[in-house]
């Protein structure tokens, strides 16, 4: 008889365990929420000051830019809640030999490695991002219909999937390097480009800007996974329109490649008992 795990039930167990852990250490939970709220407020204040001096940033008005910021924060909050703590802990599983026990469990190893530990406190940033998103939509003067909202939601999931594929690929290198802090730094350095709309890099038509725009659009679609959903919700035309398919297609390829990298890395793993 073949055992088929109920992944949704397992995930709900992870959520329950995360809630128990957070309530056990309430002080840490409150501090994390406070620091998230402080960082969120600092970002809003910074761009409020900027928009006092300019009417738009690379064709993005104040309300539209806040919609873009909210989208980026929303995607990051989901990634940091569900995947980042697990990927960061992968090297520790290898170092301590606890990966042996993970491999013995009758469930997909990548699922277990990716989702076992959740940082529930980071969901406070999700709530703040959604509040800012609603504010931006109201102040933009437009009213998104059901199709726009559904498209936006799907594109946000595409963004989450892209960042996850990049993160799990980098985490997998721990099998060979033992520690890969430098690669995690690389992840933060490269994702910083997603904090700004794609049009910023092409506004002045400089060689550097065009190179960055091309590399982070058609090779690693960092400039698409946040900009495209924000444009859809704020009803801003995407030029060219088929870029939405580029982002989705490259994300799908990234998920397949990251899966292959993860499985390949496990083939190179030597257990603590070997």
C-alpha atoms as a PDB file:
ATOM      1  CA  UNK A   1       0.000   0.000   0.000  1.00  0.00           C
ATOM      2  CA  UNK A   2       1.453   3.340  -1.063  1.00  0.00           C
ATOM      3  CA  UNK A   3       1.359   6.177   1.473  1.00  0.00           C
ATOM      4  CA  UNK A   4       0.172   9.488   0.022  1.00  0.00           C
ATOM      5  CA  UNK A   5       0.603  12.410   2.432  1.00  0.00           C
ATOM      6  CA  UNK A   6      -2.080  15.084   2.742  1.00  0.00           C
ATOM      7  CA  UNK A   7       0.063  18.145   2.015  1.00  0.00           C
ATOM      8  CA  UNK A   8      -2.608  20.660   3.020  1.00  0.00           C
ATOM      9  CA  UNK A   9      -3.055  18.951   6.376  1.00  0.00           C
ATOM     10  CA  UNK A  10       0.709  18.895   6.895  1.00  0.00           C
ATOM     11  CA  UNK A  11       0.928  22.588   6.031  1.00  0.00           C
ATOM     12  CA  UNK A  12      -1.839  23.405   8.517  1.00  0.00           C
ATOM     13  CA  UNK A  13       0.154  21.504  11.153  1.00  0.00           C
ATOM     14  CA  UNK A  14       3.165  23.693  10.363  1.00  0.00           C
ATOM     15  CA  UNK A  15       0.975  26.782  10.775  1.00  0.00           C
ATOM     16  CA  UNK A  16      -0.331  25.546  14.136  1.00  0.00           C
ATOM     17  CA  UNK A  17       3.202  24.799  15.353  1.00  0.00           C
ATOM     18  CA  UNK A  18       4.321  28.267  14.254  1.00  0.00           C
ATOM     19  CA  UNK A  19       1.472  29.892  16.182  1.00  0.00           C
ATOM     20  CA  UNK A  20       2.329  27.878  19.301  1.00  0.00           C
ATOM     21  CA  UNK A  21       5.985  28.910  19.004  1.00  0.00           C
ATOM     22  CA  UNK A  22       5.112  32.586  18.556  1.00  0.00           C
ATOM     23  CA  UNK A  23       2.734  32.582  21.526  1.00  0.00           C
ATOM     24  CA  UNK A  24       5.396  30.880  23.642  1.00  0.00           C
ATOM     25  CA  UNK A  25       7.790  33.749  22.933  1.00  0.00           C
ATOM     26  CA  UNK A  26       5.348  36.668  22.852  1.00  0.00           C
ATOM     27  CA  UNK A  27       8.046  39.270  23.412  1.00  0.00           C
ATOM     28  CA  UNK A  28       9.888  38.248  20.264  1.00  0.00           C
ATOM     29  CA  UNK A  29       6.582  38.189  18.367  1.00  0.00           C
ATOM     30  CA  UNK A  30       5.749  41.752  19.414  1.00  0.00           C
ATOM     31  CA  UNK A  31       9.263  43.030  18.683  1.00  0.00           C
ATOM     32  CA  UNK A  32       9.165  41.542  15.190  1.00  0.00           C
ATOM     33  CA  UNK A  33       5.794  43.172  14.507  1.00  0.00           C
ATOM     34  CA  UNK A  34       7.088  46.506  15.819  1.00  0.00           C
ATOM     35  CA  UNK A  35      10.230  46.438  13.684  1.00  0.00           C
ATOM     36  CA  UNK A  36       8.168  45.550  10.601  1.00  0.00           C
ATOM     37  CA  UNK A  37       5.808  48.412  11.288  1.00  0.00           C
ATOM     38  CA  UNK A  38       8.737  50.798  11.818  1.00  0.00           C
ATOM     39  CA  UNK A  39      10.374  49.779   8.521  1.00  0.00           C
ATOM     40  CA  UNK A  40       7.037  50.115   6.720  1.00  0.00           C
ATOM     41  CA  UNK A  41       6.444  53.585   8.163  1.00  0.00           C
ATOM     42  CA  UNK A  42       9.982  54.700   7.302  1.00  0.00           C
ATOM     43  CA  UNK A  43       9.448  53.715   3.655  1.00  0.00           C
ATOM     44  CA  UNK A  44       6.174  55.619   3.451  1.00  0.00           C
ATOM     45  CA  UNK A  45       7.645  58.728   5.071  1.00  0.00           C
ATOM     46  CA  UNK A  46      10.653  58.652   2.725  1.00  0.00           C
ATOM     47  CA  UNK A  47       8.533  58.640  -0.418  1.00  0.00           C
ATOM     48  CA  UNK A  48       6.099  61.178   1.022  1.00  0.00           C
ATOM     49  CA  UNK A  49       9.070  63.545   1.299  1.00  0.00           C
ATOM     50  CA  UNK A  50      10.138  62.735  -2.273  1.00  0.00           C
ATOM     51  CA  UNK A  51       6.660  63.345  -3.692  1.00  0.00           C
ATOM     52  CA  UNK A  52       6.549  66.759  -2.049  1.00  0.00           C
ATOM     53  CA  UNK A  53       9.246  67.779  -4.533  1.00  0.00           C
ATOM     54  CA  UNK A  54       8.133  65.848  -7.651  1.00  0.00           C
ATOM     55  CA  UNK A  55       4.738  64.980  -9.113  1.00  0.00           C
ATOM     56  CA  UNK A  56       5.792  61.577 -10.426  1.00  0.00           C
ATOM     57  CA  UNK A  57       8.707  59.153 -10.532  1.00  0.00           C
ATOM     58  CA  UNK A  58       9.349  57.712 -14.009  1.00  0.00           C
ATOM     59  CA  UNK A  59       5.655  58.104 -14.985  1.00  0.00           C
ATOM     60  CA  UNK A  60       4.375  56.740 -11.668  1.00  0.00           C
ATOM     61  CA  UNK A  61       2.196  59.163  -9.703  1.00  0.00           C
ATOM     62  CA  UNK A  62       2.191  59.202  -5.913  1.00  0.00           C
ATOM     63  CA  UNK A  63      -0.794  56.841  -5.574  1.00  0.00           C
ATOM     64  CA  UNK A  64       0.485  54.544  -8.323  1.00  0.00           C
ATOM     65  CA  UNK A  65       3.940  54.361  -6.793  1.00  0.00           C
ATOM     66  CA  UNK A  66       2.466  53.469  -3.409  1.00  0.00           C
ATOM     67  CA  UNK A  67       0.550  50.701  -5.211  1.00  0.00           C
ATOM     68  CA  UNK A  68       3.857  49.459  -6.622  1.00  0.00           C
ATOM     69  CA  UNK A  69       5.503  49.628  -3.183  1.00  0.00           C
ATOM     70  CA  UNK A  70       2.602  47.746  -1.606  1.00  0.00           C
ATOM     71  CA  UNK A  71       2.895  45.009  -4.233  1.00  0.00           C
ATOM     72  CA  UNK A  72       6.610  44.546  -3.587  1.00  0.00           C
ATOM     73  CA  UNK A  73       6.076  44.502   0.175  1.00  0.00           C
ATOM     74  CA  UNK A  74       3.224  42.008  -0.179  1.00  0.00           C
ATOM     75  CA  UNK A  75       5.296  39.576  -2.247  1.00  0.00           C
ATOM     76  CA  UNK A  76       8.275  39.896   0.111  1.00  0.00           C
ATOM     77  CA  UNK A  77       6.139  39.385   3.199  1.00  0.00           C
ATOM     78  CA  UNK A  78       4.755  36.112   1.831  1.00  0.00           C
ATOM     79  CA  UNK A  79       8.226  34.884   0.874  1.00  0.00           C
ATOM     80  CA  UNK A  80       9.690  35.873   4.243  1.00  0.00           C
ATOM     81  CA  UNK A  81       6.826  34.216   6.125  1.00  0.00           C
ATOM     82  CA  UNK A  82       6.795  30.849   4.397  1.00  0.00           C
ATOM     83  CA  UNK A  83      10.145  30.240   2.718  1.00  0.00           C
ATOM     84  CA  UNK A  84      13.010  32.421   3.919  1.00  0.00           C
ATOM     85  CA  UNK A  85      13.407  30.949   7.443  1.00  0.00           C
ATOM     86  CA  UNK A  86      13.428  27.428   6.001  1.00  0.00           C
ATOM     87  CA  UNK A  87      15.917  28.137   3.227  1.00  0.00           C
ATOM     88  CA  UNK A  88      18.151  29.960   5.703  1.00  0.00           C
ATOM     89  CA  UNK A  89      18.013  26.902   7.995  1.00  0.00           C
ATOM     90  CA  UNK A  90      18.915  24.406   5.254  1.00  0.00           C
ATOM     91  CA  UNK A  91      22.662  24.737   5.819  1.00  0.00           C
ATOM     92  CA  UNK A  92      22.113  24.026   9.533  1.00  0.00           C
ATOM     93  CA  UNK A  93      20.246  20.823   8.682  1.00  0.00           C
ATOM     94  CA  UNK A  94      23.279  19.731   6.692  1.00  0.00           C
ATOM     95  CA  UNK A  95      25.849  20.808   9.289  1.00  0.00           C
ATOM     96  CA  UNK A  96      24.088  19.106  12.192  1.00  0.00           C
ATOM     97  CA  UNK A  97      23.136  15.993  10.227  1.00  0.00           C
ATOM     98  CA  UNK A  98      19.406  16.578  10.829  1.00  0.00           C
ATOM     99  CA  UNK A  99      18.832  16.412   7.080  1.00  0.00           C
ATOM    100  CA  UNK A 100      19.108  12.624   7.521  1.00  0.00           C
ATOM    101  CA  UNK A 101      15.828  12.628   9.471  1.00  0.00           C
ATOM    102  CA  UNK A 102      14.171  14.856   6.875  1.00  0.00           C
ATOM    103  CA  UNK A 103      15.110  12.451   4.087  1.00  0.00           C
ATOM    104  CA  UNK A 104      13.614   9.524   6.025  1.00  0.00           C
ATOM    105  CA  UNK A 105      10.160  11.109   6.314  1.00  0.00           C
ATOM    106  CA  UNK A 106       7.504   9.798   3.866  1.00  0.00           C
ATOM    107  CA  UNK A 107       6.903  13.194   2.266  1.00  0.00           C
ATOM    108  CA  UNK A 108       8.515  15.234  -0.482  1.00  0.00           C
ATOM    109  CA  UNK A 109      11.844  16.498   0.863  1.00  0.00           C
ATOM    110  CA  UNK A 110      11.692  19.869  -0.893  1.00  0.00           C
ATOM    111  CA  UNK A 111       8.227  20.551   0.519  1.00  0.00           C
ATOM    112  CA  UNK A 112       9.380  19.703   4.028  1.00  0.00           C
ATOM    113  CA  UNK A 113      12.598  21.718   3.743  1.00  0.00           C
ATOM    114  CA  UNK A 114      10.727  24.710   2.290  1.00  0.00           C
ATOM    115  CA  UNK A 115       7.674  24.940   4.559  1.00  0.00           C
ATOM    116  CA  UNK A 116       8.365  23.344   7.969  1.00  0.00           C
ATOM    117  CA  UNK A 117       9.072  26.587   9.837  1.00  0.00           C
ATOM    118  CA  UNK A 118       6.889  29.673   9.376  1.00  0.00           C
ATOM    119  CA  UNK A 119       7.479  33.192  10.685  1.00  0.00           C
ATOM    120  CA  UNK A 120       3.901  34.177  11.485  1.00  0.00           C
ATOM    121  CA  UNK A 121       4.939  37.589  12.828  1.00  0.00           C
ATOM    122  CA  UNK A 122       5.935  38.621   9.305  1.00  0.00           C
ATOM    123  CA  UNK A 123       2.268  38.458   8.308  1.00  0.00           C
ATOM    124  CA  UNK A 124       1.911  41.849   9.984  1.00  0.00           C
ATOM    125  CA  UNK A 125       3.746  43.239   6.957  1.00  0.00           C
ATOM    126  CA  UNK A 126       1.224  41.490   4.729  1.00  0.00           C
ATOM    127  CA  UNK A 127      -1.611  43.298   6.514  1.00  0.00           C
ATOM    128  CA  UNK A 128       0.187  46.651   6.253  1.00  0.00           C
ATOM    129  CA  UNK A 129       0.912  46.055   2.563  1.00  0.00           C
ATOM    130  CA  UNK A 130      -2.737  45.282   1.835  1.00  0.00           C
ATOM    131  CA  UNK A 131      -3.810  48.422   3.700  1.00  0.00           C
ATOM    132  CA  UNK A 132      -1.387  50.526   1.634  1.00  0.00           C
ATOM    133  CA  UNK A 133      -2.607  48.804  -1.536  1.00  0.00           C
ATOM    134  CA  UNK A 134      -6.230  49.687  -0.793  1.00  0.00           C
ATOM    135  CA  UNK A 135      -5.194  53.284  -0.034  1.00  0.00           C
ATOM    136  CA  UNK A 136      -3.278  53.500  -3.324  1.00  0.00           C
ATOM    137  CA  UNK A 137      -6.168  52.132  -5.383  1.00  0.00           C
ATOM    138  CA  UNK A 138      -8.662  54.520  -3.805  1.00  0.00           C
ATOM    139  CA  UNK A 139      -6.414  57.537  -4.348  1.00  0.00           C
ATOM    140  CA  UNK A 140      -5.536  56.588  -7.921  1.00  0.00           C
ATOM    141  CA  UNK A 141      -9.097  57.333  -8.946  1.00  0.00           C
ATOM    142  CA  UNK A 142      -9.659  53.969 -10.602  1.00  0.00           C
ATOM    143  CA  UNK A 143     -11.877  51.102  -9.522  1.00  0.00           C
ATOM    144  CA  UNK A 144     -10.417  47.679 -10.395  1.00  0.00           C
ATOM    145  CA  UNK A 145     -12.917  45.123 -11.635  1.00  0.00           C
ATOM    146  CA  UNK A 146     -13.001  41.433 -10.756  1.00  0.00           C
ATOM    147  CA  UNK A 147     -10.795  40.510 -13.724  1.00  0.00           C
ATOM    148  CA  UNK A 148      -8.099  42.984 -12.677  1.00  0.00           C
ATOM    149  CA  UNK A 149      -8.174  41.759  -9.075  1.00  0.00           C
ATOM    150  CA  UNK A 150      -7.959  38.122 -10.146  1.00  0.00           C
ATOM    151  CA  UNK A 151      -5.125  38.868 -12.586  1.00  0.00           C
ATOM    152  CA  UNK A 152      -3.300  40.825  -9.895  1.00  0.00           C
ATOM    153  CA  UNK A 153      -3.632  37.966  -7.402  1.00  0.00           C
ATOM    154  CA  UNK A 154      -2.292  35.434  -9.882  1.00  0.00           C
ATOM    155  CA  UNK A 155       0.625  37.699 -10.825  1.00  0.00           C
ATOM    156  CA  UNK A 156       1.498  38.181  -7.143  1.00  0.00           C
ATOM    157  CA  UNK A 157       1.650  34.391  -6.801  1.00  0.00           C
ATOM    158  CA  UNK A 158       3.934  34.336  -9.846  1.00  0.00           C
ATOM    159  CA  UNK A 159       6.190  36.835  -8.054  1.00  0.00           C
ATOM    160  CA  UNK A 160       6.240  34.683  -4.924  1.00  0.00           C
ATOM    161  CA  UNK A 161       7.046  31.604  -7.013  1.00  0.00           C
ATOM    162  CA  UNK A 162       9.922  33.384  -8.754  1.00  0.00           C
ATOM    163  CA  UNK A 163      11.540  34.558  -5.526  1.00  0.00           C
ATOM    164  CA  UNK A 164      11.080  31.097  -4.017  1.00  0.00           C
ATOM    165  CA  UNK A 165      12.747  29.400  -6.986  1.00  0.00           C
ATOM    166  CA  UNK A 166      15.705  31.759  -6.707  1.00  0.00           C
ATOM    167  CA  UNK A 167      15.949  31.257  -2.943  1.00  0.00           C
ATOM    168  CA  UNK A 168      15.726  27.458  -2.937  1.00  0.00           C
ATOM    169  CA  UNK A 169      18.326  27.286  -5.731  1.00  0.00           C
ATOM    170  CA  UNK A 170      20.765  29.293  -3.632  1.00  0.00           C
ATOM    171  CA  UNK A 171      19.932  27.279  -0.504  1.00  0.00           C
ATOM    172  CA  UNK A 172      20.651  24.027  -2.342  1.00  0.00           C
ATOM    173  CA  UNK A 173      24.285  25.052  -2.809  1.00  0.00           C
ATOM    174  CA  UNK A 174      24.770  24.459   0.933  1.00  0.00           C
ATOM    175  CA  UNK A 175      25.234  20.785   0.055  1.00  0.00           C
ATOM    176  CA  UNK A 176      28.511  21.652  -1.673  1.00  0.00           C
ATOM    177  CA  UNK A 177      29.642  24.776   0.203  1.00  0.00           C
ATOM    178  CA  UNK A 178      28.529  23.919   3.747  1.00  0.00           C
ATOM    179  CA  UNK A 179      27.720  27.559   4.443  1.00  0.00           C
ATOM    180  CA  UNK A 180      26.478  29.891   1.741  1.00  0.00           C
ATOM    181  CA  UNK A 181      26.062  33.213   3.519  1.00  0.00           C
ATOM    182  CA  UNK A 182      27.699  34.950   0.581  1.00  0.00           C
ATOM    183  CA  UNK A 183      25.054  33.580  -1.736  1.00  0.00           C
ATOM    184  CA  UNK A 184      22.285  34.771   0.571  1.00  0.00           C
ATOM    185  CA  UNK A 185      23.889  38.208   0.470  1.00  0.00           C
ATOM    186  CA  UNK A 186      23.806  37.893  -3.314  1.00  0.00           C
ATOM    187  CA  UNK A 187      20.058  37.182  -3.097  1.00  0.00           C
ATOM    188  CA  UNK A 188      19.442  40.379  -1.140  1.00  0.00           C
ATOM    189  CA  UNK A 189      21.686  42.423  -3.406  1.00  0.00           C
ATOM    190  CA  UNK A 190      20.022  41.222  -6.589  1.00  0.00           C
ATOM    191  CA  UNK A 191      16.442  41.521  -5.317  1.00  0.00           C
ATOM    192  CA  UNK A 192      17.013  45.158  -4.353  1.00  0.00           C
ATOM    193  CA  UNK A 193      16.421  45.970  -8.037  1.00  0.00           C
ATOM    194  CA  UNK A 194      12.798  44.847  -7.621  1.00  0.00           C
ATOM    195  CA  UNK A 195      12.179  47.750  -5.234  1.00  0.00           C
ATOM    196  CA  UNK A 196      11.937  50.155  -8.152  1.00  0.00           C
ATOM    197  CA  UNK A 197       9.703  50.093 -11.257  1.00  0.00           C
ATOM    198  CA  UNK A 198      11.157  48.858 -14.522  1.00  0.00           C
ATOM    199  CA  UNK A 199      10.612  52.257 -16.178  1.00  0.00           C
ATOM    200  CA  UNK A 200      13.180  53.856 -13.845  1.00  0.00           C
ATOM    201  CA  UNK A 201      15.981  51.921 -15.519  1.00  0.00           C
ATOM    202  CA  UNK A 202      14.951  52.908 -19.050  1.00  0.00           C
ATOM    203  CA  UNK A 203      13.792  56.478 -18.447  1.00  0.00           C
ATOM    204  CA  UNK A 204      17.121  58.109 -19.388  1.00  0.00           C
ATOM    205  CA  UNK A 205      18.087  55.585 -22.108  1.00  0.00           C
ATOM    206  CA  UNK A 206      21.588  55.085 -20.681  1.00  0.00           C
ATOM    207  CA  UNK A 207      23.724  52.064 -21.529  1.00  0.00           C
ATOM    208  CA  UNK A 208      23.870  50.887 -17.911  1.00  0.00           C
ATOM    209  CA  UNK A 209      20.134  51.315 -17.455  1.00  0.00           C
ATOM    210  CA  UNK A 210      19.342  49.435 -20.654  1.00  0.00           C
ATOM    211  CA  UNK A 211      21.707  46.602 -19.717  1.00  0.00           C
ATOM    212  CA  UNK A 212      20.155  46.264 -16.262  1.00  0.00           C
ATOM    213  CA  UNK A 213      16.651  46.426 -17.709  1.00  0.00           C
ATOM    214  CA  UNK A 214      17.407  43.736 -20.292  1.00  0.00           C
ATOM    215  CA  UNK A 215      19.182  41.394 -17.848  1.00  0.00           C
ATOM    216  CA  UNK A 216      16.537  41.693 -15.133  1.00  0.00           C
ATOM    217  CA  UNK A 217      13.647  41.418 -17.580  1.00  0.00           C
ATOM    218  CA  UNK A 218      14.585  38.642 -19.999  1.00  0.00           C
ATOM    219  CA  UNK A 219      17.156  36.621 -18.013  1.00  0.00           C
ATOM    220  CA  UNK A 220      16.205  37.007 -14.346  1.00  0.00           C
ATOM    221  CA  UNK A 221      12.758  38.702 -14.423  1.00  0.00           C
ATOM    222  CA  UNK A 222      13.150  40.663 -11.195  1.00  0.00           C
ATOM    223  CA  UNK A 223      11.825  43.841 -12.825  1.00  0.00           C
ATOM    224  CA  UNK A 224       8.675  42.073 -14.025  1.00  0.00           C
ATOM    225  CA  UNK A 225       7.404  40.130 -11.012  1.00  0.00           C
ATOM    226  CA  UNK A 226       6.568  43.310  -9.072  1.00  0.00           C
ATOM    227  CA  UNK A 227       6.068  45.901 -11.816  1.00  0.00           C
ATOM    228  CA  UNK A 228       3.636  43.838 -13.912  1.00  0.00           C
ATOM    229  CA  UNK A 229       1.046  43.086 -11.177  1.00  0.00           C
ATOM    230  CA  UNK A 230       1.235  46.684  -9.943  1.00  0.00           C
ATOM    231  CA  UNK A 231       0.569  47.986 -13.463  1.00  0.00           C
ATOM    232  CA  UNK A 232      -2.359  45.620 -13.881  1.00  0.00           C
ATOM    233  CA  UNK A 233      -4.053  46.701 -10.653  1.00  0.00           C
ATOM    234  CA  UNK A 234      -3.350  50.411 -11.166  1.00  0.00           C
ATOM    235  CA  UNK A 235      -4.654  50.117 -14.753  1.00  0.00           C
ATOM    236  CA  UNK A 236      -1.392  51.270 -16.318  1.00  0.00           C
ATOM    237  CA  UNK A 237      -0.655  49.969 -19.800  1.00  0.00           C
ATOM    238  CA  UNK A 238       2.204  47.488 -20.020  1.00  0.00           C
ATOM    239  CA  UNK A 239       4.558  48.220 -22.913  1.00  0.00           C
ATOM    240  CA  UNK A 240       4.946  45.772 -24.541  1.00  0.00           C
ATOM    241  CA  UNK A 241       1.909  43.862 -23.313  1.00  0.00           C
ATOM    242  CA  UNK A 242       3.437  40.417 -23.828  1.00  0.00           C
ATOM    243  CA  UNK A 243       5.890  41.042 -20.980  1.00  0.00           C
ATOM    244  CA  UNK A 244       3.290  39.512 -18.677  1.00  0.00           C
ATOM    245  CA  UNK A 245       3.887  36.180 -20.429  1.00  0.00           C
ATOM    246  CA  UNK A 246       7.666  36.625 -20.230  1.00  0.00           C
ATOM    247  CA  UNK A 247       7.514  36.930 -16.459  1.00  0.00           C
ATOM    248  CA  UNK A 248       5.210  33.931 -16.084  1.00  0.00           C
ATOM    249  CA  UNK A 249       7.189  31.782 -18.508  1.00  0.00           C
ATOM    250  CA  UNK A 250      10.564  32.535 -16.930  1.00  0.00           C
ATOM    251  CA  UNK A 251       9.125  31.894 -13.474  1.00  0.00           C
ATOM    252  CA  UNK A 252       7.851  28.484 -14.593  1.00  0.00           C
ATOM    253  CA  UNK A 253      11.291  27.687 -16.013  1.00  0.00           C
ATOM    254  CA  UNK A 254      12.847  28.888 -12.739  1.00  0.00           C
ATOM    255  CA  UNK A 255      10.660  26.522 -10.715  1.00  0.00           C
ATOM    256  CA  UNK A 256      11.594  23.566 -12.899  1.00  0.00           C
ATOM    257  CA  UNK A 257      15.308  24.430 -12.788  1.00  0.00           C
ATOM    258  CA  UNK A 258      15.279  25.005  -9.028  1.00  0.00           C
ATOM    259  CA  UNK A 259      13.619  21.610  -8.554  1.00  0.00           C
ATOM    260  CA  UNK A 260      16.353  19.994 -10.618  1.00  0.00           C
ATOM    261  CA  UNK A 261      19.072  21.814  -8.676  1.00  0.00           C
ATOM    262  CA  UNK A 262      17.563  20.714  -5.371  1.00  0.00           C
ATOM    263  CA  UNK A 263      17.338  17.069  -6.435  1.00  0.00           C
ATOM    264  CA  UNK A 264      20.851  17.208  -7.855  1.00  0.00           C
ATOM    265  CA  UNK A 265      22.182  18.625  -4.590  1.00  0.00           C
ATOM    266  CA  UNK A 266      20.575  15.805  -2.588  1.00  0.00           C
ATOM    267  CA  UNK A 267      22.377  13.276  -4.782  1.00  0.00           C
ATOM    268  CA  UNK A 268      25.641  14.849  -3.597  1.00  0.00           C
ATOM    269  CA  UNK A 269      24.655  14.779   0.080  1.00  0.00           C
ATOM    270  CA  UNK A 270      26.619  12.534   2.403  1.00  0.00           C
ATOM    271  CA  UNK A 271      24.670  11.699   5.545  1.00  0.00           C
ATOM    272  CA  UNK A 272      26.057  12.306   9.010  1.00  0.00           C
ATOM    273  CA  UNK A 273      26.357   8.548   9.525  1.00  0.00           C
ATOM    274  CA  UNK A 274      28.280   7.870   6.278  1.00  0.00           C
END
